[in-house]
Amino acid sequence: MEQLETLRDEVRDSMHRADVQVAARPGGALTRATLLVGSLVSAAVGGLLIVVHVRTPVAAGALFGVHVAVQGVLQLLAVHESKASAAVRWLLAVGGFAALPLGAALFHGWADTVFLLALWTGCSWLLRGLTMAVSVTSPSVRQVFVYDDVLNAVIVSAGLFMTAFPFSSLEQLADVGGSVLMATAAFEALAAARRHPRTLRAVD
């Protein structure tokens, strides 16, 4: 019995040490940081769109462009430490890289009408939402990206709405877009706060 107790204690200690090592790995801190930064950027851009009365599509496009480009960079950073399958890594990387020219186009004012601004912003949200929705079908990726299915559904639905709804004014577009960004910021913050760092590590 004493030998069994000793063996049990050794196994428990080894498992505890393994958990500590996993929690301390940089992948978890990196993923949590990307979630929190993404939440802050979404909240900031969304708040500005709602509070500040943007007067031109170019000004609104600059705000949307910053959000899209930053989210693309954060997605690339989060997947950098991943050791998931090559297909999943390529999918996430393509989504992150594709967001960069879309964000740059919006930021530089290439969407100079309300229709183009809504279309390009909606396409960027669709790209992000569908990329994450497809990639998280892999169980391992759920440990890298803690986006809930609800968050993906919000982003995809918002993208579809932005591309399909005929906005009558820039103010209406800014209010809708800002509200969507505030909602996604809340989901991202909750996703980062409620998960233990050990579940936010990069895939082994």
N, C-alpha and C. Protein backbone atom coordinates (compact mmCIF):
# COMPACT_ATOMS: atom_id res chain seq x y z
N MET A 1 0.82 -1.20 0.00
CA MET A 1 0.00 0.00 0.00
C MET A 1 0.86 1.26 0.00
N GLU A 2 1.95 1.22 0.79
CA GLU A 2 2.82 2.38 0.82
C GLU A 2 3.44 2.64 -0.54
N GLN A 3 3.78 1.55 -1.25
CA GLN A 3 4.36 1.72 -2.58
C GLN A 3 3.34 2.32 -3.54
N LEU A 4 2.07 1.88 -3.42
CA LEU A 4 1.03 2.44 -4.28
C LEU A 4 0.82 3.91 -3.99
N GLU A 5 0.81 4.27 -2.70
CA GLU A 5 0.65 5.67 -2.34
C GLU A 5 1.80 6.51 -2.86
N THR A 6 3.02 5.97 -2.75
CA THR A 6 4.20 6.69 -3.25
C THR A 6 4.12 6.89 -4.75
N LEU A 7 3.73 5.82 -5.47
CA LEU A 7 3.60 5.91 -6.92
C LEU A 7 2.54 6.93 -7.31
N ARG A 8 1.40 6.93 -6.57
CA ARG A 8 0.33 7.88 -6.86
C ARG A 8 0.80 9.32 -6.65
N ASP A 9 1.58 9.54 -5.58
CA ASP A 9 2.09 10.88 -5.31
C ASP A 9 3.06 11.33 -6.40
N GLU A 10 3.89 10.40 -6.87
CA GLU A 10 4.84 10.75 -7.92
C GLU A 10 4.13 11.11 -9.22
N VAL A 11 3.09 10.35 -9.55
CA VAL A 11 2.32 10.65 -10.76
C VAL A 11 1.63 12.01 -10.64
N ARG A 12 1.05 12.28 -9.45
CA ARG A 12 0.37 13.56 -9.23
C ARG A 12 1.36 14.72 -9.35
N ASP A 13 2.56 14.56 -8.76
CA ASP A 13 3.56 15.62 -8.84
C ASP A 13 4.02 15.86 -10.26
N SER A 14 4.21 14.77 -11.02
CA SER A 14 4.65 14.94 -12.41
C SER A 14 3.59 15.62 -13.25
N MET A 15 2.32 15.28 -13.01
CA MET A 15 1.24 15.94 -13.75
C MET A 15 1.16 17.41 -13.38
N HIS A 16 1.36 17.73 -12.10
CA HIS A 16 1.33 19.13 -11.67
C HIS A 16 2.45 19.92 -12.33
N ARG A 17 3.66 19.34 -12.38
CA ARG A 17 4.79 20.01 -13.02
C ARG A 17 4.53 20.23 -14.49
N ALA A 18 3.91 19.24 -15.14
CA ALA A 18 3.60 19.38 -16.57
C ALA A 18 2.61 20.50 -16.80
N ASP A 19 1.60 20.61 -15.92
CA ASP A 19 0.62 21.69 -16.06
C ASP A 19 1.27 23.05 -15.90
N VAL A 20 2.18 23.16 -14.93
CA VAL A 20 2.86 24.43 -14.72
C VAL A 20 3.70 24.81 -15.91
N GLN A 21 4.40 23.82 -16.50
CA GLN A 21 5.22 24.09 -17.66
C GLN A 21 4.38 24.53 -18.84
N VAL A 22 3.24 23.86 -19.03
CA VAL A 22 2.36 24.22 -20.15
C VAL A 22 1.80 25.62 -19.97
N ALA A 23 1.38 25.93 -18.72
CA ALA A 23 0.80 27.24 -18.48
C ALA A 23 1.81 28.35 -18.66
N ALA A 24 3.09 28.03 -18.46
CA ALA A 24 4.10 29.05 -18.56
C ALA A 24 4.61 29.26 -19.97
N ARG A 25 4.22 28.41 -20.90
CA ARG A 25 4.70 28.53 -22.26
C ARG A 25 4.22 29.83 -22.88
N PRO A 26 5.02 30.41 -23.81
CA PRO A 26 4.65 31.71 -24.37
C PRO A 26 3.41 31.67 -25.22
N GLY A 27 3.02 30.51 -25.71
CA GLY A 27 1.86 30.46 -26.58
C GLY A 27 0.60 30.93 -25.89
N GLY A 28 0.43 30.54 -24.60
CA GLY A 28 -0.76 30.95 -23.90
C GLY A 28 -0.81 32.45 -23.70
N ALA A 29 0.32 33.04 -23.29
CA ALA A 29 0.36 34.48 -23.09
C ALA A 29 0.13 35.21 -24.40
N LEU A 30 0.71 34.69 -25.48
CA LEU A 30 0.55 35.33 -26.78
C LEU A 30 -0.90 35.31 -27.22
N THR A 31 -1.57 34.16 -27.08
CA THR A 31 -2.95 34.06 -27.52
C THR A 31 -3.86 34.94 -26.69
N ARG A 32 -3.65 34.96 -25.39
CA ARG A 32 -4.47 35.82 -24.54
C ARG A 32 -4.24 37.28 -24.88
N ALA A 33 -2.99 37.63 -25.15
CA ALA A 33 -2.69 39.02 -25.49
C ALA A 33 -3.38 39.42 -26.80
N THR A 34 -3.37 38.52 -27.79
CA THR A 34 -4.01 38.86 -29.07
C THR A 34 -5.52 39.04 -28.87
N LEU A 35 -6.12 38.22 -28.02
CA LEU A 35 -7.54 38.38 -27.75
C LEU A 35 -7.84 39.71 -27.08
N LEU A 36 -7.04 40.05 -26.08
CA LEU A 36 -7.29 41.28 -25.34
C LEU A 36 -7.03 42.51 -26.21
N VAL A 37 -5.95 42.48 -27.00
CA VAL A 37 -5.66 43.60 -27.88
C VAL A 37 -6.76 43.75 -28.93
N GLY A 38 -7.19 42.60 -29.50
CA GLY A 38 -8.28 42.65 -30.47
C GLY A 38 -9.56 43.22 -29.87
N SER A 39 -9.83 42.86 -28.62
CA SER A 39 -11.01 43.38 -27.95
C SER A 39 -10.92 44.89 -27.76
N LEU A 40 -9.74 45.36 -27.35
CA LEU A 40 -9.56 46.79 -27.14
C LEU A 40 -9.68 47.58 -28.44
N VAL A 41 -9.09 47.04 -29.51
CA VAL A 41 -9.16 47.73 -30.80
C VAL A 41 -10.61 47.78 -31.30
N SER A 42 -11.31 46.66 -31.17
CA SER A 42 -12.71 46.63 -31.61
C SER A 42 -13.55 47.62 -30.82
N ALA A 43 -13.33 47.67 -29.49
CA ALA A 43 -14.10 48.59 -28.66
C ALA A 43 -13.78 50.03 -28.99
N ALA A 44 -12.49 50.33 -29.21
CA ALA A 44 -12.10 51.70 -29.51
C ALA A 44 -12.68 52.18 -30.84
N VAL A 45 -12.53 51.34 -31.87
CA VAL A 45 -13.05 51.72 -33.19
C VAL A 45 -14.57 51.80 -33.17
N GLY A 46 -15.21 50.83 -32.53
CA GLY A 46 -16.66 50.86 -32.44
C GLY A 46 -17.17 52.07 -31.69
N GLY A 47 -16.50 52.40 -30.59
CA GLY A 47 -16.91 53.57 -29.83
C GLY A 47 -16.75 54.87 -30.62
N LEU A 48 -15.65 54.98 -31.35
CA LEU A 48 -15.44 56.18 -32.17
C LEU A 48 -16.50 56.30 -33.26
N LEU A 49 -16.84 55.17 -33.88
CA LEU A 49 -17.85 55.23 -34.93
C LEU A 49 -19.21 55.68 -34.40
N ILE A 50 -19.51 55.29 -33.17
CA ILE A 50 -20.80 55.64 -32.59
C ILE A 50 -20.81 57.07 -32.06
N VAL A 51 -19.73 57.46 -31.38
CA VAL A 51 -19.69 58.76 -30.71
C VAL A 51 -19.33 59.89 -31.67
N VAL A 52 -18.29 59.66 -32.48
CA VAL A 52 -17.83 60.71 -33.39
C VAL A 52 -18.68 60.68 -34.65
N HIS A 53 -19.12 61.83 -35.07
CA HIS A 53 -19.94 61.92 -36.27
C HIS A 53 -19.02 62.02 -37.49
N VAL A 54 -18.72 60.85 -38.08
CA VAL A 54 -17.87 60.85 -39.26
C VAL A 54 -18.63 61.48 -40.42
N ARG A 55 -17.94 62.31 -41.17
CA ARG A 55 -18.61 63.10 -42.21
C ARG A 55 -18.43 62.52 -43.61
N THR A 56 -17.41 61.71 -43.82
CA THR A 56 -17.15 61.17 -45.15
C THR A 56 -16.89 59.67 -45.08
N PRO A 57 -17.17 58.94 -46.15
CA PRO A 57 -16.84 57.52 -46.18
C PRO A 57 -15.35 57.26 -46.01
N VAL A 58 -14.52 58.22 -46.45
CA VAL A 58 -13.08 58.05 -46.31
C VAL A 58 -12.68 58.03 -44.83
N ALA A 59 -13.28 58.92 -44.03
CA ALA A 59 -12.97 58.95 -42.60
C ALA A 59 -13.45 57.67 -41.91
N ALA A 60 -14.65 57.24 -42.24
CA ALA A 60 -15.15 55.99 -41.66
C ALA A 60 -14.32 54.81 -42.13
N GLY A 61 -13.92 54.83 -43.40
CA GLY A 61 -13.10 53.75 -43.93
C GLY A 61 -11.76 53.64 -43.24
N ALA A 62 -11.20 54.79 -42.82
CA ALA A 62 -9.93 54.74 -42.10
C ALA A 62 -10.08 53.99 -40.77
N LEU A 63 -11.20 54.23 -40.08
CA LEU A 63 -11.44 53.53 -38.82
C LEU A 63 -11.66 52.03 -39.05
N PHE A 64 -12.52 51.70 -40.02
CA PHE A 64 -12.73 50.29 -40.34
C PHE A 64 -11.43 49.62 -40.80
N GLY A 65 -10.64 50.36 -41.57
CA GLY A 65 -9.39 49.80 -42.07
C GLY A 65 -8.41 49.47 -40.98
N VAL A 66 -8.32 50.33 -39.98
CA VAL A 66 -7.44 50.06 -38.84
C VAL A 66 -7.87 48.77 -38.15
N HIS A 67 -9.17 48.64 -37.93
CA HIS A 67 -9.67 47.44 -37.25
C HIS A 67 -9.37 46.18 -38.05
N VAL A 68 -9.65 46.20 -39.35
CA VAL A 68 -9.44 45.01 -40.18
C VAL A 68 -7.96 44.63 -40.23
N ALA A 69 -7.09 45.62 -40.43
CA ALA A 69 -5.66 45.34 -40.52
C ALA A 69 -5.10 44.81 -39.20
N VAL A 70 -5.50 45.42 -38.08
CA VAL A 70 -5.00 44.96 -36.78
C VAL A 70 -5.46 43.54 -36.50
N GLN A 71 -6.71 43.23 -36.81
CA GLN A 71 -7.19 41.87 -36.59
C GLN A 71 -6.43 40.87 -37.46
N GLY A 72 -6.08 41.26 -38.68
CA GLY A 72 -5.29 40.38 -39.52
C GLY A 72 -3.92 40.11 -38.93
N VAL A 73 -3.27 41.14 -38.43
CA VAL A 73 -1.95 40.98 -37.81
C VAL A 73 -2.05 40.10 -36.57
N LEU A 74 -3.07 40.33 -35.76
CA LEU A 74 -3.23 39.53 -34.54
C LEU A 74 -3.48 38.07 -34.86
N GLN A 75 -4.23 37.81 -35.93
CA GLN A 75 -4.46 36.41 -36.32
C GLN A 75 -3.16 35.75 -36.74
N LEU A 76 -2.32 36.47 -37.46
CA LEU A 76 -1.03 35.92 -37.87
C LEU A 76 -0.13 35.67 -36.66
N LEU A 77 -0.15 36.58 -35.70
CA LEU A 77 0.66 36.39 -34.49
C LEU A 77 0.19 35.19 -33.68
N ALA A 78 -1.12 35.03 -33.57
CA ALA A 78 -1.66 33.94 -32.76
C ALA A 78 -1.37 32.58 -33.38
N VAL A 79 -1.35 32.51 -34.71
CA VAL A 79 -1.13 31.23 -35.37
C VAL A 79 0.35 30.92 -35.50
N HIS A 80 1.21 31.90 -35.21
CA HIS A 80 2.65 31.72 -35.41
C HIS A 80 3.20 30.56 -34.58
N GLU A 81 2.75 30.44 -33.32
CA GLU A 81 3.25 29.40 -32.43
C GLU A 81 2.49 28.09 -32.57
N SER A 82 1.50 28.06 -33.44
CA SER A 82 0.68 26.86 -33.54
C SER A 82 1.41 25.73 -34.24
N LYS A 83 1.18 24.51 -33.75
CA LYS A 83 1.69 23.31 -34.40
C LYS A 83 0.53 22.44 -34.87
N ALA A 84 -0.56 23.09 -35.23
CA ALA A 84 -1.71 22.38 -35.79
C ALA A 84 -1.34 21.86 -37.17
N SER A 85 -2.28 21.20 -37.82
CA SER A 85 -2.00 20.64 -39.14
C SER A 85 -1.66 21.75 -40.12
N ALA A 86 -0.92 21.39 -41.16
CA ALA A 86 -0.49 22.38 -42.15
C ALA A 86 -1.69 23.05 -42.81
N ALA A 87 -2.74 22.26 -43.08
CA ALA A 87 -3.91 22.82 -43.76
C ALA A 87 -4.57 23.90 -42.90
N VAL A 88 -4.68 23.65 -41.60
CA VAL A 88 -5.29 24.63 -40.70
C VAL A 88 -4.43 25.87 -40.59
N ARG A 89 -3.11 25.69 -40.48
CA ARG A 89 -2.22 26.84 -40.39
C ARG A 89 -2.28 27.69 -41.65
N TRP A 90 -2.32 27.03 -42.80
CA TRP A 90 -2.41 27.78 -44.05
C TRP A 90 -3.72 28.54 -44.14
N LEU A 91 -4.80 27.91 -43.72
CA LEU A 91 -6.10 28.59 -43.77
C LEU A 91 -6.11 29.84 -42.91
N LEU A 92 -5.60 29.72 -41.69
CA LEU A 92 -5.57 30.87 -40.79
C LEU A 92 -4.61 31.94 -41.30
N ALA A 93 -3.48 31.51 -41.84
CA ALA A 93 -2.51 32.47 -42.35
C ALA A 93 -3.07 33.22 -43.55
N VAL A 94 -3.73 32.51 -44.45
CA VAL A 94 -4.32 33.16 -45.62
C VAL A 94 -5.36 34.19 -45.19
N GLY A 95 -6.18 33.82 -44.20
CA GLY A 95 -7.17 34.77 -43.70
C GLY A 95 -6.52 36.01 -43.11
N GLY A 96 -5.43 35.83 -42.35
CA GLY A 96 -4.73 36.97 -41.77
C GLY A 96 -4.08 37.84 -42.82
N PHE A 97 -3.41 37.21 -43.80
CA PHE A 97 -2.75 37.99 -44.85
C PHE A 97 -3.77 38.72 -45.72
N ALA A 98 -4.89 38.07 -46.02
CA ALA A 98 -5.90 38.71 -46.88
C ALA A 98 -6.51 39.93 -46.22
N ALA A 99 -6.54 39.95 -44.88
CA ALA A 99 -7.11 41.09 -44.18
C ALA A 99 -6.25 42.34 -44.32
N LEU A 100 -4.95 42.15 -44.55
CA LEU A 100 -4.05 43.30 -44.61
C LEU A 100 -4.32 44.21 -45.80
N PRO A 101 -4.40 43.69 -47.04
CA PRO A 101 -4.73 44.60 -48.16
C PRO A 101 -6.14 45.17 -48.07
N LEU A 102 -7.08 44.39 -47.52
CA LEU A 102 -8.42 44.94 -47.33
C LEU A 102 -8.41 46.11 -46.36
N GLY A 103 -7.69 45.94 -45.26
CA GLY A 103 -7.58 47.03 -44.29
C GLY A 103 -6.88 48.24 -44.88
N ALA A 104 -5.81 47.99 -45.67
CA ALA A 104 -5.09 49.10 -46.30
C ALA A 104 -5.98 49.84 -47.29
N ALA A 105 -6.77 49.09 -48.05
CA ALA A 105 -7.67 49.72 -49.03
C ALA A 105 -8.70 50.60 -48.34
N LEU A 106 -9.25 50.11 -47.24
CA LEU A 106 -10.22 50.91 -46.49
C LEU A 106 -9.55 52.13 -45.87
N PHE A 107 -8.36 51.94 -45.32
CA PHE A 107 -7.67 53.03 -44.64
C PHE A 107 -7.29 54.15 -45.61
N HIS A 108 -6.91 53.80 -46.82
CA HIS A 108 -6.47 54.79 -47.80
C HIS A 108 -7.62 55.41 -48.58
N GLY A 109 -8.86 55.06 -48.23
CA GLY A 109 -9.99 55.73 -48.82
C GLY A 109 -10.40 55.23 -50.19
N TRP A 110 -10.04 54.00 -50.52
CA TRP A 110 -10.44 53.45 -51.81
C TRP A 110 -11.92 53.12 -51.84
N ALA A 111 -12.53 52.98 -50.67
CA ALA A 111 -13.99 52.81 -50.60
C ALA A 111 -14.59 54.18 -50.32
N ASP A 112 -14.82 54.96 -51.38
CA ASP A 112 -15.19 56.36 -51.21
C ASP A 112 -16.69 56.62 -51.29
N THR A 113 -17.49 55.56 -51.25
CA THR A 113 -18.94 55.71 -51.18
C THR A 113 -19.47 54.82 -50.07
N VAL A 114 -20.67 55.11 -49.61
CA VAL A 114 -21.27 54.31 -48.54
C VAL A 114 -21.43 52.86 -48.98
N PHE A 115 -21.83 52.67 -50.24
CA PHE A 115 -22.02 51.31 -50.75
C PHE A 115 -20.71 50.52 -50.73
N LEU A 116 -19.63 51.10 -51.26
CA LEU A 116 -18.35 50.40 -51.28
C LEU A 116 -17.81 50.18 -49.88
N LEU A 117 -18.00 51.16 -49.00
CA LEU A 117 -17.52 51.01 -47.64
C LEU A 117 -18.21 49.85 -46.95
N ALA A 118 -19.53 49.76 -47.08
CA ALA A 118 -20.26 48.64 -46.48
C ALA A 118 -19.86 47.32 -47.11
N LEU A 119 -19.68 47.31 -48.43
CA LEU A 119 -19.34 46.07 -49.14
C LEU A 119 -17.97 45.56 -48.71
N TRP A 120 -16.98 46.42 -48.71
CA TRP A 120 -15.62 46.00 -48.38
C TRP A 120 -15.50 45.62 -46.91
N THR A 121 -16.15 46.37 -46.05
CA THR A 121 -16.12 46.02 -44.62
C THR A 121 -16.82 44.70 -44.38
N GLY A 122 -17.97 44.52 -45.01
CA GLY A 122 -18.69 43.25 -44.87
C GLY A 122 -17.88 42.08 -45.37
N CYS A 123 -17.20 42.25 -46.50
CA CYS A 123 -16.36 41.16 -47.03
C CYS A 123 -15.22 40.82 -46.08
N SER A 124 -14.63 41.82 -45.46
CA SER A 124 -13.54 41.55 -44.51
C SER A 124 -14.04 40.80 -43.29
N TRP A 125 -15.23 41.17 -42.80
CA TRP A 125 -15.80 40.45 -41.66
C TRP A 125 -16.19 39.03 -42.05
N LEU A 126 -16.74 38.86 -43.24
CA LEU A 126 -17.06 37.52 -43.70
C LEU A 126 -15.80 36.65 -43.79
N LEU A 127 -14.73 37.22 -44.30
CA LEU A 127 -13.48 36.48 -44.42
C LEU A 127 -13.00 36.04 -43.06
N ARG A 128 -13.00 36.94 -42.10
CA ARG A 128 -12.54 36.59 -40.77
C ARG A 128 -13.44 35.55 -40.11
N GLY A 129 -14.74 35.78 -40.15
CA GLY A 129 -15.67 34.86 -39.49
C GLY A 129 -15.67 33.48 -40.10
N LEU A 130 -15.69 33.39 -41.43
CA LEU A 130 -15.71 32.08 -42.09
C LEU A 130 -14.39 31.35 -41.90
N THR A 131 -13.28 32.08 -41.95
CA THR A 131 -11.98 31.45 -41.73
C THR A 131 -11.90 30.82 -40.35
N MET A 132 -12.32 31.57 -39.33
CA MET A 132 -12.28 31.03 -37.98
C MET A 132 -13.30 29.92 -37.80
N ALA A 133 -14.48 30.05 -38.39
CA ALA A 133 -15.51 29.02 -38.24
C ALA A 133 -15.06 27.70 -38.83
N VAL A 134 -14.41 27.76 -39.99
CA VAL A 134 -13.94 26.53 -40.63
C VAL A 134 -12.77 25.93 -39.86
N SER A 135 -11.84 26.79 -39.41
CA SER A 135 -10.64 26.29 -38.77
C SER A 135 -10.93 25.65 -37.41
N VAL A 136 -11.89 26.16 -36.67
CA VAL A 136 -12.14 25.62 -35.33
C VAL A 136 -12.91 24.30 -35.38
N THR A 137 -13.21 23.78 -36.57
CA THR A 137 -13.73 22.42 -36.65
C THR A 137 -12.68 21.41 -36.22
N SER A 138 -11.41 21.82 -36.26
CA SER A 138 -10.35 20.99 -35.73
C SER A 138 -10.30 21.16 -34.22
N PRO A 139 -10.39 20.07 -33.43
CA PRO A 139 -10.41 20.20 -31.98
C PRO A 139 -9.18 20.91 -31.43
N SER A 140 -8.02 20.70 -32.05
CA SER A 140 -6.80 21.30 -31.53
C SER A 140 -6.81 22.81 -31.66
N VAL A 141 -7.44 23.33 -32.70
CA VAL A 141 -7.43 24.77 -32.92
C VAL A 141 -8.25 25.48 -31.86
N ARG A 142 -9.19 24.79 -31.25
CA ARG A 142 -9.97 25.42 -30.19
C ARG A 142 -9.09 25.80 -29.00
N GLN A 143 -7.91 25.16 -28.89
CA GLN A 143 -7.00 25.53 -27.82
C GLN A 143 -6.15 26.73 -28.19
N VAL A 144 -6.08 27.06 -29.48
CA VAL A 144 -5.29 28.20 -29.92
C VAL A 144 -6.15 29.44 -30.01
N PHE A 145 -7.32 29.30 -30.60
CA PHE A 145 -8.24 30.42 -30.74
C PHE A 145 -9.48 30.13 -29.92
N VAL A 146 -9.77 30.94 -28.94
CA VAL A 146 -10.91 30.69 -28.07
C VAL A 146 -12.12 31.52 -28.49
N TYR A 147 -12.26 31.69 -29.80
CA TYR A 147 -13.46 32.34 -30.30
C TYR A 147 -14.61 31.35 -30.16
N ASP A 148 -15.67 31.79 -29.51
CA ASP A 148 -16.84 30.95 -29.37
C ASP A 148 -17.59 30.89 -30.69
N ASP A 149 -18.43 29.88 -30.82
CA ASP A 149 -19.29 29.79 -31.98
C ASP A 149 -20.21 31.01 -32.08
N VAL A 150 -20.59 31.55 -30.93
CA VAL A 150 -21.46 32.74 -30.94
C VAL A 150 -20.72 33.91 -31.58
N LEU A 151 -19.45 34.08 -31.25
CA LEU A 151 -18.68 35.17 -31.82
C LEU A 151 -18.54 35.01 -33.33
N ASN A 152 -18.24 33.81 -33.78
CA ASN A 152 -18.16 33.57 -35.22
C ASN A 152 -19.49 33.87 -35.90
N ALA A 153 -20.58 33.46 -35.27
CA ALA A 153 -21.90 33.71 -35.85
C ALA A 153 -22.18 35.21 -35.94
N VAL A 154 -21.77 35.96 -34.91
CA VAL A 154 -21.97 37.41 -34.92
C VAL A 154 -21.18 38.05 -36.06
N ILE A 155 -19.93 37.65 -36.23
CA ILE A 155 -19.08 38.24 -37.27
C ILE A 155 -19.60 37.91 -38.65
N VAL A 156 -19.95 36.64 -38.88
CA VAL A 156 -20.47 36.23 -40.19
C VAL A 156 -21.79 36.92 -40.49
N SER A 157 -22.68 36.95 -39.51
CA SER A 157 -23.98 37.60 -39.71
C SER A 157 -23.80 39.08 -40.00
N ALA A 158 -22.88 39.72 -39.27
CA ALA A 158 -22.62 41.14 -39.52
C ALA A 158 -22.05 41.37 -40.90
N GLY A 159 -21.17 40.49 -41.34
CA GLY A 159 -20.62 40.62 -42.68
C GLY A 159 -21.68 40.48 -43.76
N LEU A 160 -22.56 39.50 -43.59
CA LEU A 160 -23.65 39.32 -44.55
C LEU A 160 -24.57 40.54 -44.56
N PHE A 161 -24.86 41.06 -43.37
CA PHE A 161 -25.76 42.21 -43.28
C PHE A 161 -25.13 43.44 -43.94
N MET A 162 -23.83 43.65 -43.69
CA MET A 162 -23.16 44.81 -44.25
C MET A 162 -23.12 44.75 -45.78
N THR A 163 -22.96 43.57 -46.32
CA THR A 163 -22.87 43.45 -47.78
C THR A 163 -24.23 43.48 -48.45
N ALA A 164 -25.28 43.12 -47.74
CA ALA A 164 -26.60 42.98 -48.37
C ALA A 164 -27.54 44.14 -48.09
N PHE A 165 -27.37 44.81 -46.94
CA PHE A 165 -28.33 45.85 -46.56
C PHE A 165 -28.01 47.17 -47.26
N PRO A 166 -28.98 47.79 -47.91
CA PRO A 166 -28.74 49.08 -48.58
C PRO A 166 -28.79 50.24 -47.59
N PHE A 167 -27.64 50.61 -47.05
CA PHE A 167 -27.59 51.69 -46.07
C PHE A 167 -27.95 53.01 -46.74
N SER A 168 -28.81 53.76 -46.09
CA SER A 168 -29.28 55.02 -46.67
C SER A 168 -28.36 56.19 -46.36
N SER A 169 -27.52 56.06 -45.35
CA SER A 169 -26.65 57.17 -44.98
C SER A 169 -25.39 56.65 -44.31
N LEU A 170 -24.38 57.50 -44.27
CA LEU A 170 -23.13 57.14 -43.62
C LEU A 170 -23.33 57.00 -42.11
N GLU A 171 -24.18 57.84 -41.54
CA GLU A 171 -24.44 57.76 -40.10
C GLU A 171 -25.04 56.42 -39.72
N GLN A 172 -25.96 55.93 -40.54
CA GLN A 172 -26.57 54.63 -40.28
C GLN A 172 -25.53 53.52 -40.35
N LEU A 173 -24.67 53.58 -41.35
CA LEU A 173 -23.61 52.58 -41.48
C LEU A 173 -22.66 52.62 -40.30
N ALA A 174 -22.29 53.84 -39.85
CA ALA A 174 -21.37 53.96 -38.73
C ALA A 174 -21.99 53.42 -37.44
N ASP A 175 -23.28 53.68 -37.24
CA ASP A 175 -23.95 53.19 -36.03
C ASP A 175 -24.02 51.67 -36.02
N VAL A 176 -24.36 51.08 -37.15
CA VAL A 176 -24.45 49.62 -37.23
C VAL A 176 -23.07 48.99 -37.06
N GLY A 177 -22.10 49.51 -37.81
CA GLY A 177 -20.75 48.97 -37.72
C GLY A 177 -20.16 49.12 -36.33
N GLY A 178 -20.37 50.28 -35.71
CA GLY A 178 -19.86 50.49 -34.37
C GLY A 178 -20.50 49.56 -33.35
N SER A 179 -21.79 49.33 -33.49
CA SER A 179 -22.49 48.42 -32.57
C SER A 179 -21.96 47.00 -32.72
N VAL A 180 -21.72 46.57 -33.95
CA VAL A 180 -21.17 45.23 -34.18
C VAL A 180 -19.79 45.10 -33.55
N LEU A 181 -18.96 46.11 -33.72
CA LEU A 181 -17.62 46.05 -33.15
C LEU A 181 -17.65 46.05 -31.63
N MET A 182 -18.55 46.78 -31.03
CA MET A 182 -18.68 46.76 -29.57
C MET A 182 -19.11 45.38 -29.09
N ALA A 183 -20.02 44.74 -29.84
CA ALA A 183 -20.47 43.40 -29.46
C ALA A 183 -19.33 42.38 -29.58
N THR A 184 -18.58 42.43 -30.68
CA THR A 184 -17.47 41.49 -30.84
C THR A 184 -16.39 41.75 -29.80
N ALA A 185 -16.18 43.01 -29.43
CA ALA A 185 -15.20 43.31 -28.38
C ALA A 185 -15.60 42.67 -27.06
N ALA A 186 -16.87 42.70 -26.74
CA ALA A 186 -17.34 42.10 -25.49
C ALA A 186 -17.13 40.59 -25.50
N PHE A 187 -17.44 39.93 -26.63
CA PHE A 187 -17.25 38.49 -26.72
C PHE A 187 -15.77 38.12 -26.63
N GLU A 188 -14.91 38.90 -27.29
CA GLU A 188 -13.48 38.62 -27.24
C GLU A 188 -12.93 38.79 -25.83
N ALA A 189 -13.38 39.82 -25.13
CA ALA A 189 -12.92 40.03 -23.76
C ALA A 189 -13.37 38.90 -22.84
N LEU A 190 -14.61 38.46 -22.99
CA LEU A 190 -15.11 37.35 -22.18
C LEU A 190 -14.36 36.06 -22.49
N ALA A 191 -14.08 35.83 -23.77
CA ALA A 191 -13.37 34.62 -24.17
C ALA A 191 -11.98 34.59 -23.56
N ALA A 192 -11.31 35.74 -23.50
CA ALA A 192 -9.97 35.79 -22.92
C ALA A 192 -10.00 35.69 -21.41
N ALA A 193 -11.03 36.25 -20.78
CA ALA A 193 -11.06 36.32 -19.32
C ALA A 193 -11.51 35.02 -18.67
N ARG A 194 -12.36 34.27 -19.33
CA ARG A 194 -12.96 33.13 -18.65
C ARG A 194 -12.17 31.85 -18.82
N ARG A 195 -11.17 31.82 -19.71
CA ARG A 195 -10.39 30.62 -19.93
C ARG A 195 -9.10 30.66 -19.12
N HIS A 196 -8.75 29.50 -18.57
CA HIS A 196 -7.50 29.37 -17.85
C HIS A 196 -6.35 29.50 -18.85
N PRO A 197 -5.22 30.13 -18.47
CA PRO A 197 -4.11 30.26 -19.40
C PRO A 197 -3.66 28.95 -20.00
N ARG A 198 -3.84 27.85 -19.28
CA ARG A 198 -3.40 26.56 -19.80
C ARG A 198 -4.19 26.14 -21.03
N THR A 199 -5.43 26.61 -21.15
CA THR A 199 -6.22 26.25 -22.31
C THR A 199 -6.00 27.22 -23.46
N LEU A 200 -5.15 28.23 -23.26
CA LEU A 200 -4.87 29.20 -24.30
C LEU A 200 -3.51 28.98 -24.93
N ARG A 201 -2.90 27.83 -24.64
CA ARG A 201 -1.55 27.59 -25.14
C ARG A 201 -1.57 27.26 -26.62
N ALA A 202 -0.40 27.31 -27.22
CA ALA A 202 -0.28 26.88 -28.60
C ALA A 202 -0.43 25.37 -28.67
N VAL A 203 -0.84 24.87 -29.82
CA VAL A 203 -1.08 23.44 -29.96
C VAL A 203 0.23 22.69 -29.91
N ASP A 204 0.27 21.59 -29.18
CA ASP A 204 1.48 20.78 -29.10
C ASP A 204 1.59 19.92 -30.37
